[in-house]
Amino acid sequence: MKAFLKRLAAQLVGWAFIVVGIVGLFLPILQGILFILIGLIILSTQYSWAHRLMERIRARFPRLAQKSHEASTRAHLWLERIWGRRE
């Protein structure tokens, strides 16, 4: 049950970032692309289509890939502190 709740929380947070990113594309206040990328990074742990999309983005934009990797590493460490180590 705990694993199910973790997966559900990751999906909800990922999709929330995607929605905020789409809204941010139309509002000058929010950085839409940034939120979409964060959402894709989170969803890439759950969905293979998001993982493939992130791989294509990383291949197309290598500098962005480096920053994405650093952010992903920090996010994984942060999530491990919150939820504990994965088994």
N, C-alpha and C. Protein backbone atom coordinates (compact mmCIF):
# COMPACT_ATOMS: atom_id res chain seq x y z
N MET A 1 0.82 -1.19 0.00
CA MET A 1 0.00 0.00 0.00
C MET A 1 0.87 1.26 0.00
N LYS A 2 1.98 1.22 0.75
CA LYS A 2 2.86 2.37 0.83
C LYS A 2 3.50 2.67 -0.53
N ALA A 3 3.89 1.62 -1.26
CA ALA A 3 4.48 1.79 -2.59
C ALA A 3 3.45 2.39 -3.55
N PHE A 4 2.21 1.95 -3.42
CA PHE A 4 1.15 2.48 -4.28
C PHE A 4 0.94 3.97 -4.03
N LEU A 5 0.95 4.37 -2.77
CA LEU A 5 0.77 5.79 -2.43
C LEU A 5 1.94 6.64 -2.93
N LYS A 6 3.16 6.09 -2.85
CA LYS A 6 4.32 6.81 -3.36
C LYS A 6 4.22 7.02 -4.86
N ARG A 7 3.82 5.95 -5.55
CA ARG A 7 3.69 6.04 -7.01
C ARG A 7 2.57 7.02 -7.39
N LEU A 8 1.47 6.96 -6.68
CA LEU A 8 0.36 7.88 -6.94
C LEU A 8 0.77 9.32 -6.69
N ALA A 9 1.51 9.56 -5.60
CA ALA A 9 1.98 10.91 -5.29
C ALA A 9 2.92 11.42 -6.37
N ALA A 10 3.83 10.57 -6.84
CA ALA A 10 4.76 10.98 -7.89
C ALA A 10 4.00 11.32 -9.18
N GLN A 11 3.00 10.53 -9.50
CA GLN A 11 2.21 10.80 -10.71
C GLN A 11 1.43 12.10 -10.57
N LEU A 12 0.83 12.32 -9.42
CA LEU A 12 0.06 13.54 -9.21
C LEU A 12 0.94 14.78 -9.28
N VAL A 13 2.10 14.70 -8.65
CA VAL A 13 3.02 15.85 -8.67
C VAL A 13 3.53 16.09 -10.09
N GLY A 14 3.89 15.02 -10.79
CA GLY A 14 4.36 15.16 -12.16
C GLY A 14 3.32 15.79 -13.08
N TRP A 15 2.11 15.28 -13.00
CA TRP A 15 1.04 15.84 -13.84
C TRP A 15 0.70 17.27 -13.43
N ALA A 16 0.79 17.58 -12.14
CA ALA A 16 0.53 18.96 -11.69
C ALA A 16 1.55 19.91 -12.30
N PHE A 17 2.83 19.50 -12.33
CA PHE A 17 3.85 20.34 -12.95
C PHE A 17 3.58 20.51 -14.45
N ILE A 18 3.12 19.45 -15.11
CA ILE A 18 2.80 19.55 -16.54
C ILE A 18 1.68 20.56 -16.75
N VAL A 19 0.63 20.48 -15.95
CA VAL A 19 -0.51 21.39 -16.09
C VAL A 19 -0.08 22.83 -15.81
N VAL A 20 0.69 23.04 -14.75
CA VAL A 20 1.18 24.39 -14.44
C VAL A 20 2.07 24.89 -15.58
N GLY A 21 2.86 24.00 -16.16
CA GLY A 21 3.71 24.38 -17.28
C GLY A 21 2.91 24.79 -18.50
N ILE A 22 1.85 24.08 -18.79
CA ILE A 22 0.99 24.45 -19.92
C ILE A 22 0.34 25.80 -19.68
N VAL A 23 -0.13 26.03 -18.46
CA VAL A 23 -0.70 27.34 -18.13
C VAL A 23 0.38 28.41 -18.23
N GLY A 24 1.59 28.06 -17.80
CA GLY A 24 2.70 29.00 -17.84
C GLY A 24 3.13 29.39 -19.25
N LEU A 25 2.79 28.56 -20.23
CA LEU A 25 3.09 28.93 -21.62
C LEU A 25 2.29 30.14 -22.06
N PHE A 26 1.13 30.34 -21.44
CA PHE A 26 0.24 31.44 -21.83
C PHE A 26 0.30 32.63 -20.88
N LEU A 27 0.84 32.44 -19.68
CA LEU A 27 0.95 33.53 -18.72
C LEU A 27 2.39 34.03 -18.66
N PRO A 28 2.59 35.32 -18.68
CA PRO A 28 3.97 35.83 -18.66
C PRO A 28 4.68 35.67 -17.32
N ILE A 29 3.96 35.35 -16.27
CA ILE A 29 4.54 35.25 -14.93
C ILE A 29 5.29 33.94 -14.75
N LEU A 30 4.75 32.85 -15.26
CA LEU A 30 5.31 31.52 -15.05
C LEU A 30 6.26 31.10 -16.18
N GLN A 31 7.25 30.33 -15.84
CA GLN A 31 8.16 29.75 -16.82
C GLN A 31 7.59 28.39 -17.23
N GLY A 32 6.80 28.37 -18.28
CA GLY A 32 6.09 27.16 -18.68
C GLY A 32 7.01 26.00 -19.04
N ILE A 33 8.05 26.26 -19.81
CA ILE A 33 8.95 25.19 -20.24
C ILE A 33 9.63 24.54 -19.04
N LEU A 34 10.03 25.34 -18.08
CA LEU A 34 10.69 24.81 -16.89
C LEU A 34 9.77 23.86 -16.14
N PHE A 35 8.52 24.25 -15.94
CA PHE A 35 7.58 23.39 -15.22
C PHE A 35 7.28 22.12 -16.00
N ILE A 36 7.18 22.23 -17.31
CA ILE A 36 6.94 21.04 -18.14
C ILE A 36 8.12 20.08 -18.03
N LEU A 37 9.34 20.61 -18.07
CA LEU A 37 10.52 19.74 -17.94
C LEU A 37 10.57 19.06 -16.58
N ILE A 38 10.26 19.80 -15.53
CA ILE A 38 10.23 19.20 -14.19
C ILE A 38 9.19 18.08 -14.13
N GLY A 39 8.02 18.35 -14.69
CA GLY A 39 6.98 17.33 -14.73
C GLY A 39 7.40 16.10 -15.51
N LEU A 40 8.09 16.32 -16.65
CA LEU A 40 8.57 15.18 -17.44
C LEU A 40 9.64 14.39 -16.69
N ILE A 41 10.51 15.07 -15.98
CA ILE A 41 11.53 14.37 -15.20
C ILE A 41 10.86 13.47 -14.16
N ILE A 42 9.85 14.00 -13.49
CA ILE A 42 9.15 13.21 -12.47
C ILE A 42 8.39 12.06 -13.12
N LEU A 43 7.69 12.35 -14.22
CA LEU A 43 6.90 11.30 -14.87
C LEU A 43 7.76 10.26 -15.57
N SER A 44 9.00 10.62 -15.91
CA SER A 44 9.86 9.65 -16.60
C SER A 44 10.22 8.47 -15.70
N THR A 45 10.05 8.62 -14.40
CA THR A 45 10.27 7.50 -13.50
C THR A 45 9.08 6.55 -13.49
N GLN A 46 7.94 7.01 -14.00
CA GLN A 46 6.71 6.21 -13.96
C GLN A 46 6.27 5.70 -15.33
N TYR A 47 6.53 6.49 -16.38
CA TYR A 47 6.03 6.17 -17.71
C TYR A 47 7.17 6.05 -18.71
N SER A 48 7.09 5.03 -19.56
CA SER A 48 8.15 4.84 -20.55
C SER A 48 8.10 5.92 -21.64
N TRP A 49 6.90 6.42 -21.99
CA TRP A 49 6.82 7.45 -23.02
C TRP A 49 7.50 8.74 -22.55
N ALA A 50 7.38 9.06 -21.27
CA ALA A 50 8.03 10.26 -20.73
C ALA A 50 9.54 10.06 -20.69
N HIS A 51 9.97 8.85 -20.39
CA HIS A 51 11.40 8.55 -20.37
C HIS A 51 11.98 8.69 -21.78
N ARG A 52 11.29 8.15 -22.78
CA ARG A 52 11.76 8.28 -24.18
C ARG A 52 11.79 9.73 -24.61
N LEU A 53 10.79 10.50 -24.23
CA LEU A 53 10.76 11.92 -24.59
C LEU A 53 11.91 12.67 -23.94
N MET A 54 12.19 12.37 -22.68
CA MET A 54 13.32 13.02 -22.01
C MET A 54 14.64 12.64 -22.67
N GLU A 55 14.78 11.40 -23.13
CA GLU A 55 16.00 10.98 -23.82
C GLU A 55 16.17 11.75 -25.13
N ARG A 56 15.08 11.96 -25.86
CA ARG A 56 15.17 12.74 -27.11
C ARG A 56 15.53 14.19 -26.83
N ILE A 57 14.97 14.76 -25.77
CA ILE A 57 15.29 16.14 -25.40
C ILE A 57 16.75 16.23 -25.00
N ARG A 58 17.24 15.26 -24.24
CA ARG A 58 18.64 15.27 -23.82
C ARG A 58 19.58 15.14 -25.01
N ALA A 59 19.21 14.34 -26.00
CA ALA A 59 20.06 14.18 -27.19
C ALA A 59 20.07 15.46 -28.03
N ARG A 60 18.96 16.14 -28.08
CA ARG A 60 18.85 17.35 -28.90
C ARG A 60 19.52 18.56 -28.24
N PHE A 61 19.42 18.65 -26.91
CA PHE A 61 19.96 19.79 -26.16
C PHE A 61 20.92 19.30 -25.08
N PRO A 62 22.21 19.09 -25.42
CA PRO A 62 23.16 18.52 -24.45
C PRO A 62 23.38 19.39 -23.21
N ARG A 63 23.42 20.71 -23.35
CA ARG A 63 23.60 21.55 -22.15
C ARG A 63 22.40 21.43 -21.23
N LEU A 64 21.23 21.40 -21.80
CA LEU A 64 20.03 21.20 -21.01
C LEU A 64 20.05 19.82 -20.34
N ALA A 65 20.61 18.84 -21.04
CA ALA A 65 20.70 17.49 -20.49
C ALA A 65 21.56 17.48 -19.24
N GLN A 66 22.66 18.22 -19.26
CA GLN A 66 23.54 18.27 -18.09
C GLN A 66 22.82 18.89 -16.90
N LYS A 67 22.13 20.00 -17.14
CA LYS A 67 21.39 20.65 -16.05
C LYS A 67 20.24 19.77 -15.58
N SER A 68 19.61 19.09 -16.50
CA SER A 68 18.52 18.18 -16.15
C SER A 68 19.03 17.03 -15.29
N HIS A 69 20.20 16.51 -15.64
CA HIS A 69 20.78 15.42 -14.87
C HIS A 69 21.10 15.88 -13.44
N GLU A 70 21.68 17.06 -13.33
CA GLU A 70 21.99 17.59 -12.00
C GLU A 70 20.72 17.80 -11.19
N ALA A 71 19.70 18.35 -11.81
CA ALA A 71 18.44 18.58 -11.11
C ALA A 71 17.77 17.26 -10.73
N SER A 72 17.85 16.29 -11.62
CA SER A 72 17.26 14.99 -11.34
C SER A 72 17.96 14.31 -10.18
N THR A 73 19.28 14.41 -10.13
CA THR A 73 20.04 13.83 -9.03
C THR A 73 19.66 14.48 -7.71
N ARG A 74 19.55 15.81 -7.72
CA ARG A 74 19.14 16.50 -6.49
C ARG A 74 17.73 16.11 -6.08
N ALA A 75 16.84 15.97 -7.06
CA ALA A 75 15.46 15.61 -6.75
C ALA A 75 15.38 14.20 -6.16
N HIS A 76 16.16 13.26 -6.72
CA HIS A 76 16.16 11.90 -6.19
C HIS A 76 16.69 11.87 -4.75
N LEU A 77 17.73 12.63 -4.48
CA LEU A 77 18.26 12.69 -3.11
C LEU A 77 17.24 13.30 -2.16
N TRP A 78 16.55 14.33 -2.62
CA TRP A 78 15.53 14.97 -1.81
C TRP A 78 14.38 14.00 -1.52
N LEU A 79 13.94 13.26 -2.56
CA LEU A 79 12.86 12.30 -2.37
C LEU A 79 13.27 11.16 -1.45
N GLU A 80 14.53 10.74 -1.53
CA GLU A 80 14.99 9.68 -0.64
C GLU A 80 14.97 10.16 0.81
N ARG A 81 15.31 11.42 1.03
CA ARG A 81 15.27 11.94 2.40
C ARG A 81 13.83 11.98 2.92
N ILE A 82 12.89 12.31 2.04
CA ILE A 82 11.49 12.42 2.47
C ILE A 82 10.87 11.03 2.65
N TRP A 83 11.02 10.16 1.65
CA TRP A 83 10.33 8.88 1.66
C TRP A 83 11.18 7.72 2.10
N GLY A 84 12.43 7.93 2.31
CA GLY A 84 13.31 6.81 2.68
C GLY A 84 13.88 6.15 1.43
N ARG A 85 14.82 5.28 1.64
CA ARG A 85 15.48 4.60 0.53
C ARG A 85 14.54 3.64 -0.18
N ARG A 86 14.76 3.52 -1.48
CA ARG A 86 13.96 2.56 -2.27
C ARG A 86 14.53 1.15 -2.06
N GLU A 87 13.62 0.20 -2.04
CA GLU A 87 14.06 -1.19 -1.90
C GLU A 87 14.16 -1.85 -3.22
